[in-house]
Amino acid sequence: MTTFRDLLLFRTYDFPEVIVCNPIVKSTGPIKHVVYTLKGKDHLGDFEGVRRYSDFDTFREVLVTRFIGLFIPGIPSKKTTVKT
């Protein structure tokens, strides 16, 4: 069984840094979606990737699992915009 003290001793690295930037609208025929660039750094090193909105829920779950006890905010609800 893991105790609170074990969790405190386990954290021997700095907090992760993550930036979500550069939204780009992509289209496949009539279907459009937005992709975002994720840039960051954690105890394993630097990372960067391009993700769709639907990937953020999975990404958040990875952060919650990897950084036990660190508050990871929920993702905002998906909004659709219509340009005329």
PDB file of N, CA and C in Angstrom:
ATOM      1  N   MET A   1       0.841  -1.186   0.000  1.00  0.00           N
ATOM      2  CA  MET A   1       0.000   0.000   0.000  1.00  0.00           C
ATOM      3  C   MET A   1       0.881   1.243   0.000  1.00  0.00           C
ATOM      4  N   THR A   2       0.555   2.193  -0.848  1.00  0.00           N
ATOM      5  CA  THR A   2       1.318   3.433  -0.945  1.00  0.00           C
ATOM      6  C   THR A   2       0.781   4.436   0.062  1.00  0.00           C
ATOM      7  N   THR A   3       1.695   5.016   0.833  1.00  0.00           N
ATOM      8  CA  THR A   3       1.292   6.021   1.810  1.00  0.00           C
ATOM      9  C   THR A   3       1.545   7.409   1.246  1.00  0.00           C
ATOM     10  N   PHE A   4       0.994   8.414   1.916  1.00  0.00           N
ATOM     11  CA  PHE A   4       1.206   9.799   1.498  1.00  0.00           C
ATOM     12  C   PHE A   4       2.692  10.138   1.538  1.00  0.00           C
ATOM     13  N   ARG A   5       3.404   9.652   2.547  1.00  0.00           N
ATOM     14  CA  ARG A   5       4.849   9.899   2.648  1.00  0.00           C
ATOM     15  C   ARG A   5       5.585   9.296   1.446  1.00  0.00           C
ATOM     16  N   ASP A   6       5.183   8.110   1.003  1.00  0.00           N
ATOM     17  CA  ASP A   6       5.796   7.495  -0.177  1.00  0.00           C
ATOM     18  C   ASP A   6       5.606   8.370  -1.408  1.00  0.00           C
ATOM     19  N   LEU A   7       4.409   8.946  -1.540  1.00  0.00           N
ATOM     20  CA  LEU A   7       4.138   9.807  -2.687  1.00  0.00           C
ATOM     21  C   LEU A   7       5.005  11.060  -2.654  1.00  0.00           C
ATOM     22  N   LEU A   8       5.213  11.635  -1.473  1.00  0.00           N
ATOM     23  CA  LEU A   8       6.065  12.813  -1.365  1.00  0.00           C
ATOM     24  C   LEU A   8       7.514  12.490  -1.714  1.00  0.00           C
ATOM     25  N   LEU A   9       7.991  11.346  -1.297  1.00  0.00           N
ATOM     26  CA  LEU A   9       9.366  10.955  -1.597  1.00  0.00           C
ATOM     27  C   LEU A   9       9.530  10.580  -3.061  1.00  0.00           C
ATOM     28  N   PHE A  10       8.460  10.097  -3.691  1.00  0.00           N
ATOM     29  CA  PHE A  10       8.503   9.693  -5.089  1.00  0.00           C
ATOM     30  C   PHE A  10       8.754  10.883  -6.010  1.00  0.00           C
ATOM     31  N   ARG A  11       8.225  12.054  -5.646  1.00  0.00           N
ATOM     32  CA  ARG A  11       8.344  13.243  -6.485  1.00  0.00           C
ATOM     33  C   ARG A  11       9.733  13.852  -6.300  1.00  0.00           C
ATOM     34  N   THR A  12      10.656  13.449  -7.157  1.00  0.00           N
ATOM     35  CA  THR A  12      12.021  13.960  -7.073  1.00  0.00           C
ATOM     36  C   THR A  12      12.376  14.763  -8.312  1.00  0.00           C
ATOM     37  N   TYR A  13      11.385  15.265  -9.026  1.00  0.00           N
ATOM     38  CA  TYR A  13      11.608  16.011 -10.248  1.00  0.00           C
ATOM     39  C   TYR A  13      10.726  17.246 -10.241  1.00  0.00           C
ATOM     40  N   ASP A  14      11.026  18.189 -11.104  1.00  0.00           N
ATOM     41  CA  ASP A  14      10.255  19.419 -11.189  1.00  0.00           C
ATOM     42  C   ASP A  14       8.883  19.159 -11.797  1.00  0.00           C
ATOM     43  N   PHE A  15       7.989  20.102 -11.561  1.00  0.00           N
ATOM     44  CA  PHE A  15       6.653  20.002 -12.140  1.00  0.00           C
ATOM     45  C   PHE A  15       6.742  20.095 -13.657  1.00  0.00           C
ATOM     46  N   PRO A  16       5.828  19.452 -14.348  1.00  0.00           N
ATOM     47  CA  PRO A  16       5.845  19.516 -15.816  1.00  0.00           C
ATOM     48  C   PRO A  16       5.436  20.905 -16.301  1.00  0.00           C
ATOM     49  N   GLU A  17       5.910  21.247 -17.467  1.00  0.00           N
ATOM     50  CA  GLU A  17       5.515  22.486 -18.126  1.00  0.00           C
ATOM     51  C   GLU A  17       4.883  22.096 -19.460  1.00  0.00           C
ATOM     52  N   VAL A  18       3.689  22.607 -19.735  1.00  0.00           N
ATOM     53  CA  VAL A  18       2.996  22.277 -20.980  1.00  0.00           C
ATOM     54  C   VAL A  18       2.384  23.551 -21.547  1.00  0.00           C
ATOM     55  N   ILE A  19       2.591  23.768 -22.834  1.00  0.00           N
ATOM     56  CA  ILE A  19       2.000  24.901 -23.536  1.00  0.00           C
ATOM     57  C   ILE A  19       1.185  24.345 -24.707  1.00  0.00           C
ATOM     58  N   VAL A  20      -0.038  24.831 -24.846  1.00  0.00           N
ATOM     59  CA  VAL A  20      -0.880  24.485 -25.988  1.00  0.00           C
ATOM     60  C   VAL A  20      -0.944  25.725 -26.862  1.00  0.00           C
ATOM     61  N   CYS A  21      -0.513  25.592 -28.110  1.00  0.00           N
ATOM     62  CA  CYS A  21      -0.423  26.771 -28.965  1.00  0.00           C
ATOM     63  C   CYS A  21      -0.685  26.421 -30.427  1.00  0.00           C
ATOM     64  N   ASN A  22      -0.679  27.437 -31.268  1.00  0.00           N
ATOM     65  CA  ASN A  22      -0.710  27.304 -32.713  1.00  0.00           C
ATOM     66  C   ASN A  22      -1.897  26.490 -33.237  1.00  0.00           C
ATOM     67  N   PRO A  23      -3.139  26.907 -32.934  1.00  0.00           N
ATOM     68  CA  PRO A  23      -4.275  26.167 -33.505  1.00  0.00           C
ATOM     69  C   PRO A  23      -4.341  26.359 -35.018  1.00  0.00           C
ATOM     70  N   ILE A  24      -4.514  25.272 -35.736  1.00  0.00           N
ATOM     71  CA  ILE A  24      -4.582  25.306 -37.193  1.00  0.00           C
ATOM     72  C   ILE A  24      -5.814  24.527 -37.640  1.00  0.00           C
ATOM     73  N   VAL A  25      -6.604  25.137 -38.518  1.00  0.00           N
ATOM     74  CA  VAL A  25      -7.783  24.458 -39.061  1.00  0.00           C
ATOM     75  C   VAL A  25      -7.341  23.598 -40.233  1.00  0.00           C
ATOM     76  N   LYS A  26      -7.638  22.320 -40.148  1.00  0.00           N
ATOM     77  CA  LYS A  26      -7.340  21.367 -41.226  1.00  0.00           C
ATOM     78  C   LYS A  26      -8.657  20.936 -41.849  1.00  0.00           C
ATOM     79  N   SER A  27      -8.623  20.583 -43.109  1.00  0.00           N
ATOM     80  CA  SER A  27      -9.849  20.094 -43.729  1.00  0.00           C
ATOM     81  C   SER A  27      -9.561  18.862 -44.566  1.00  0.00           C
ATOM     82  N   THR A  28     -10.494  17.945 -44.480  1.00  0.00           N
ATOM     83  CA  THR A  28     -10.474  16.749 -45.308  1.00  0.00           C
ATOM     84  C   THR A  28     -11.789  16.771 -46.076  1.00  0.00           C
ATOM     85  N   GLY A  29     -11.760  17.332 -47.253  1.00  0.00           N
ATOM     86  CA  GLY A  29     -13.009  17.521 -47.987  1.00  0.00           C
ATOM     87  C   GLY A  29     -13.880  18.522 -47.254  1.00  0.00           C
ATOM     88  N   PRO A  30     -15.154  18.168 -47.022  1.00  0.00           N
ATOM     89  CA  PRO A  30     -16.047  19.103 -46.331  1.00  0.00           C
ATOM     90  C   PRO A  30     -15.890  19.104 -44.809  1.00  0.00           C
ATOM     91  N   ILE A  31     -15.115  18.167 -44.266  1.00  0.00           N
ATOM     92  CA  ILE A  31     -14.953  18.041 -42.817  1.00  0.00           C
ATOM     93  C   ILE A  31     -13.738  18.849 -42.366  1.00  0.00           C
ATOM     94  N   LYS A  32     -13.957  19.725 -41.375  1.00  0.00           N
ATOM     95  CA  LYS A  32     -12.874  20.536 -40.843  1.00  0.00           C
ATOM     96  C   LYS A  32     -12.648  20.192 -39.379  1.00  0.00           C
ATOM     97  N   HIS A  33     -11.396  20.274 -38.945  1.00  0.00           N
ATOM     98  CA  HIS A  33     -11.069  20.090 -37.537  1.00  0.00           C
ATOM     99  C   HIS A  33      -9.856  20.963 -37.204  1.00  0.00           C
ATOM    100  N   VAL A  34      -9.653  21.191 -35.926  1.00  0.00           N
ATOM    101  CA  VAL A  34      -8.548  22.027 -35.472  1.00  0.00           C
ATOM    102  C   VAL A  34      -7.499  21.141 -34.820  1.00  0.00           C
ATOM    103  N   VAL A  35      -6.233  21.395 -35.126  1.00  0.00           N
ATOM    104  CA  VAL A  35      -5.130  20.714 -34.452  1.00  0.00           C
ATOM    105  C   VAL A  35      -4.340  21.754 -33.666  1.00  0.00           C
ATOM    106  N   TYR A  36      -3.794  21.326 -32.541  1.00  0.00           N
ATOM    107  CA  TYR A  36      -3.037  22.197 -31.646  1.00  0.00           C
ATOM    108  C   TYR A  36      -1.645  21.622 -31.450  1.00  0.00           C
ATOM    109  N   THR A  37      -0.653  22.499 -31.293  1.00  0.00           N
ATOM    110  CA  THR A  37       0.697  22.062 -30.974  1.00  0.00           C
ATOM    111  C   THR A  37       0.855  22.043 -29.462  1.00  0.00           C
ATOM    112  N   LEU A  38       1.356  20.929 -28.932  1.00  0.00           N
ATOM    113  CA  LEU A  38       1.691  20.807 -27.515  1.00  0.00           C
ATOM    114  C   LEU A  38       3.203  20.843 -27.397  1.00  0.00           C
ATOM    115  N   LYS A  39       3.710  21.721 -26.547  1.00  0.00           N
ATOM    116  CA  LYS A  39       5.147  21.776 -26.277  1.00  0.00           C
ATOM    117  C   LYS A  39       5.315  21.708 -24.776  1.00  0.00           C
ATOM    118  N   GLY A  40       6.319  20.984 -24.332  1.00  0.00           N
ATOM    119  CA  GLY A  40       6.504  20.899 -22.899  1.00  0.00           C
ATOM    120  C   GLY A  40       7.799  20.244 -22.493  1.00  0.00           C
ATOM    121  N   LYS A  41       7.924  20.117 -21.184  1.00  0.00           N
ATOM    122  CA  LYS A  41       9.106  19.508 -20.589  1.00  0.00           C
ATOM    123  C   LYS A  41       8.677  18.844 -19.292  1.00  0.00           C
ATOM    124  N   ASP A  42       9.158  17.627 -19.068  1.00  0.00           N
ATOM    125  CA  ASP A  42       8.939  16.954 -17.799  1.00  0.00           C
ATOM    126  C   ASP A  42      10.232  16.263 -17.383  1.00  0.00           C
ATOM    127  N   HIS A  43      10.168  15.399 -16.393  1.00  0.00           N
ATOM    128  CA  HIS A  43      11.391  14.764 -15.891  1.00  0.00           C
ATOM    129  C   HIS A  43      12.022  13.812 -16.918  1.00  0.00           C
ATOM    130  N   LEU A  44      11.302  13.480 -17.974  1.00  0.00           N
ATOM    131  CA  LEU A  44      11.869  12.637 -19.027  1.00  0.00           C
ATOM    132  C   LEU A  44      12.489  13.455 -20.157  1.00  0.00           C
ATOM    133  N   GLY A  45      12.287  14.775 -20.143  1.00  0.00           N
ATOM    134  CA  GLY A  45      12.864  15.630 -21.166  1.00  0.00           C
ATOM    135  C   GLY A  45      11.818  16.461 -21.896  1.00  0.00           C
ATOM    136  N   ASP A  46      12.234  17.057 -23.004  1.00  0.00           N
ATOM    137  CA  ASP A  46      11.340  17.888 -23.814  1.00  0.00           C
ATOM    138  C   ASP A  46      10.436  17.017 -24.678  1.00  0.00           C
ATOM    139  N   PHE A  47       9.253  17.541 -24.974  1.00  0.00           N
ATOM    140  CA  PHE A  47       8.360  16.853 -25.893  1.00  0.00           C
ATOM    141  C   PHE A  47       7.583  17.879 -26.702  1.00  0.00           C
ATOM    142  N   GLU A  48       7.145  17.473 -27.864  1.00  0.00           N
ATOM    143  CA  GLU A  48       6.331  18.315 -28.738  1.00  0.00           C
ATOM    144  C   GLU A  48       5.497  17.404 -29.623  1.00  0.00           C
ATOM    145  N   GLY A  49       4.263  17.808 -29.867  1.00  0.00           N
ATOM    146  CA  GLY A  49       3.400  17.017 -30.728  1.00  0.00           C
ATOM    147  C   GLY A  49       2.213  17.829 -31.178  1.00  0.00           C
ATOM    148  N   VAL A  50       1.551  17.351 -32.202  1.00  0.00           N
ATOM    149  CA  VAL A  50       0.349  17.993 -32.732  1.00  0.00           C
ATOM    150  C   VAL A  50      -0.821  17.084 -32.393  1.00  0.00           C
ATOM    151  N   ARG A  51      -1.862  17.673 -31.801  1.00  0.00           N
ATOM    152  CA  ARG A  51      -3.002  16.872 -31.356  1.00  0.00           C
ATOM    153  C   ARG A  51      -4.313  17.548 -31.701  1.00  0.00           C
ATOM    154  N   ARG A  52      -5.330  16.714 -31.875  1.00  0.00           N
ATOM    155  CA  ARG A  52      -6.697  17.193 -32.062  1.00  0.00           C
ATOM    156  C   ARG A  52      -7.349  17.352 -30.690  1.00  0.00           C
ATOM    157  N   TYR A  53      -8.479  18.038 -30.679  1.00  0.00           N
ATOM    158  CA  TYR A  53      -9.201  18.244 -29.417  1.00  0.00           C
ATOM    159  C   TYR A  53      -9.488  16.915 -28.725  1.00  0.00           C
ATOM    160  N   SER A  54      -9.883  15.922 -29.488  1.00  0.00           N
ATOM    161  CA  SER A  54     -10.258  14.631 -28.907  1.00  0.00           C
ATOM    162  C   SER A  54      -9.091  13.950 -28.187  1.00  0.00           C
ATOM    163  N   ASP A  55      -7.867  14.328 -28.490  1.00  0.00           N
ATOM    164  CA  ASP A  55      -6.697  13.742 -27.826  1.00  0.00           C
ATOM    165  C   ASP A  55      -6.455  14.329 -26.441  1.00  0.00           C
ATOM    166  N   PHE A  56      -7.052  15.473 -26.132  1.00  0.00           N
ATOM    167  CA  PHE A  56      -6.748  16.143 -24.874  1.00  0.00           C
ATOM    168  C   PHE A  56      -7.243  15.388 -23.658  1.00  0.00           C
ATOM    169  N   ASP A  57      -8.359  14.701 -23.765  1.00  0.00           N
ATOM    170  CA  ASP A  57      -8.851  13.921 -22.633  1.00  0.00           C
ATOM    171  C   ASP A  57      -7.863  12.809 -22.281  1.00  0.00           C
ATOM    172  N   THR A  58      -7.356  12.125 -23.290  1.00  0.00           N
ATOM    173  CA  THR A  58      -6.354  11.082 -23.065  1.00  0.00           C
ATOM    174  C   THR A  58      -5.074  11.681 -22.494  1.00  0.00           C
ATOM    175  N   PHE A  59      -4.649  12.820 -23.035  1.00  0.00           N
ATOM    176  CA  PHE A  59      -3.441  13.493 -22.545  1.00  0.00           C
ATOM    177  C   PHE A  59      -3.597  13.874 -21.069  1.00  0.00           C
ATOM    178  N   ARG A  60      -4.769  14.373 -20.698  1.00  0.00           N
ATOM    179  CA  ARG A  60      -5.006  14.740 -19.306  1.00  0.00           C
ATOM    180  C   ARG A  60      -4.922  13.511 -18.400  1.00  0.00           C
ATOM    181  N   GLU A  61      -5.484  12.403 -18.838  1.00  0.00           N
ATOM    182  CA  GLU A  61      -5.420  11.165 -18.043  1.00  0.00           C
ATOM    183  C   GLU A  61      -3.973  10.706 -17.843  1.00  0.00           C
ATOM    184  N   VAL A  62      -3.147  10.858 -18.869  1.00  0.00           N
ATOM    185  CA  VAL A  62      -1.725  10.508 -18.740  1.00  0.00           C
ATOM    186  C   VAL A  62      -1.063  11.401 -17.691  1.00  0.00           C
ATOM    187  N   LEU A  63      -1.348  12.692 -17.731  1.00  0.00           N
ATOM    188  CA  LEU A  63      -0.765  13.615 -16.747  1.00  0.00           C
ATOM    189  C   LEU A  63      -1.214  13.275 -15.328  1.00  0.00           C
ATOM    190  N   VAL A  64      -2.512  12.974 -15.162  1.00  0.00           N
ATOM    191  CA  VAL A  64      -3.032  12.633 -13.844  1.00  0.00           C
ATOM    192  C   VAL A  64      -2.358  11.370 -13.315  1.00  0.00           C
ATOM    193  N   THR A  65      -2.136  10.392 -14.182  1.00  0.00           N
ATOM    194  CA  THR A  65      -1.491   9.148 -13.777  1.00  0.00           C
ATOM    195  C   THR A  65      -0.005   9.343 -13.478  1.00  0.00           C
ATOM    196  N   ARG A  66       0.648  10.140 -14.302  1.00  0.00           N
ATOM    197  CA  ARG A  66       2.089  10.341 -14.148  1.00  0.00           C
ATOM    198  C   ARG A  66       2.434  11.227 -12.963  1.00  0.00           C
ATOM    199  N   PHE A  67       1.591  12.211 -12.657  1.00  0.00           N
ATOM    200  CA  PHE A  67       1.873  13.167 -11.587  1.00  0.00           C
ATOM    201  C   PHE A  67       0.786  13.084 -10.520  1.00  0.00           C
ATOM    202  N   ILE A  68       0.825  12.004  -9.769  1.00  0.00           N
ATOM    203  CA  ILE A  68      -0.154  11.737  -8.720  1.00  0.00           C
ATOM    204  C   ILE A  68      -0.126  12.863  -7.690  1.00  0.00           C
ATOM    205  N   GLY A  69      -1.295  13.376  -7.374  1.00  0.00           N
ATOM    206  CA  GLY A  69      -1.405  14.414  -6.364  1.00  0.00           C
ATOM    207  C   GLY A  69      -1.296  15.828  -6.910  1.00  0.00           C
ATOM    208  N   LEU A  70      -0.853  15.995  -8.148  1.00  0.00           N
ATOM    209  CA  LEU A  70      -0.755  17.315  -8.766  1.00  0.00           C
ATOM    210  C   LEU A  70      -2.102  17.641  -9.409  1.00  0.00           C
ATOM    211  N   PHE A  71      -2.637  18.835  -9.134  1.00  0.00           N
ATOM    212  CA  PHE A  71      -3.918  19.227  -9.713  1.00  0.00           C
ATOM    213  C   PHE A  71      -3.755  19.443 -11.207  1.00  0.00           C
ATOM    214  N   ILE A  72      -4.490  18.687 -11.990  1.00  0.00           N
ATOM    215  CA  ILE A  72      -4.516  18.839 -13.447  1.00  0.00           C
ATOM    216  C   ILE A  72      -5.940  19.272 -13.797  1.00  0.00           C
ATOM    217  N   PRO A  73      -6.117  20.511 -14.272  1.00  0.00           N
ATOM    218  CA  PRO A  73      -7.474  20.980 -14.539  1.00  0.00           C
ATOM    219  C   PRO A  73      -8.138  20.199 -15.662  1.00  0.00           C
ATOM    220  N   GLY A  74      -9.462  20.157 -15.617  1.00  0.00           N
ATOM    221  CA  GLY A  74     -10.223  19.513 -16.682  1.00  0.00           C
ATOM    222  C   GLY A  74     -10.117  20.325 -17.966  1.00  0.00           C
ATOM    223  N   ILE A  75     -10.480  19.698 -19.061  1.00  0.00           N
ATOM    224  CA  ILE A  75     -10.425  20.416 -20.338  1.00  0.00           C
ATOM    225  C   ILE A  75     -11.767  21.091 -20.585  1.00  0.00           C
ATOM    226  N   PRO A  76     -11.761  22.248 -21.246  1.00  0.00           N
ATOM    227  CA  PRO A  76     -13.029  22.914 -21.523  1.00  0.00           C
ATOM    228  C   PRO A  76     -13.859  22.114 -22.514  1.00  0.00           C
ATOM    229  N   SER A  77     -15.149  22.341 -22.510  1.00  0.00           N
ATOM    230  CA  SER A  77     -16.002  21.619 -23.450  1.00  0.00           C
ATOM    231  C   SER A  77     -15.708  22.058 -24.872  1.00  0.00           C
ATOM    232  N   LYS A  78     -15.959  21.163 -25.789  1.00  0.00           N
ATOM    233  CA  LYS A  78     -15.697  21.438 -27.197  1.00  0.00           C
ATOM    234  C   LYS A  78     -16.726  22.432 -27.709  1.00  0.00           C
ATOM    235  N   LYS A  79     -16.248  23.430 -28.413  1.00  0.00           N
ATOM    236  CA  LYS A  79     -17.131  24.446 -28.978  1.00  0.00           C
ATOM    237  C   LYS A  79     -17.035  24.379 -30.495  1.00  0.00           C
ATOM    238  N   THR A  80     -18.161  24.470 -31.122  1.00  0.00           N
ATOM    239  CA  THR A  80     -18.149  24.515 -32.583  1.00  0.00           C
ATOM    240  C   THR A  80     -18.390  25.942 -33.010  1.00  0.00           C
ATOM    241  N   THR A  81     -17.657  26.375 -34.012  1.00  0.00           N
ATOM    242  CA  THR A  81     -17.837  27.722 -34.536  1.00  0.00           C
ATOM    243  C   THR A  81     -18.172  27.627 -36.009  1.00  0.00           C
ATOM    244  N   VAL A  82     -19.030  28.483 -36.437  1.00  0.00           N
ATOM    245  CA  VAL A  82     -19.426  28.507 -37.834  1.00  0.00           C
ATOM    246  C   VAL A  82     -19.024  29.853 -38.405  1.00  0.00           C
ATOM    247  N   LYS A  83     -18.187  29.841 -39.429  1.00  0.00           N
ATOM    248  CA  LYS A  83     -17.778  31.076 -40.086  1.00  0.00           C
ATOM    249  C   LYS A  83     -18.619  31.244 -41.345  1.00  0.00           C
ATOM    250  N   THR A  84     -19.077  32.475 -41.557  1.00  0.00           N
ATOM    251  CA  THR A  84     -19.866  32.731 -42.755  1.00  0.00           C
ATOM    252  C   THR A  84     -19.124  33.587 -43.735  1.00  0.00           C
TER     253      THR A  84
END
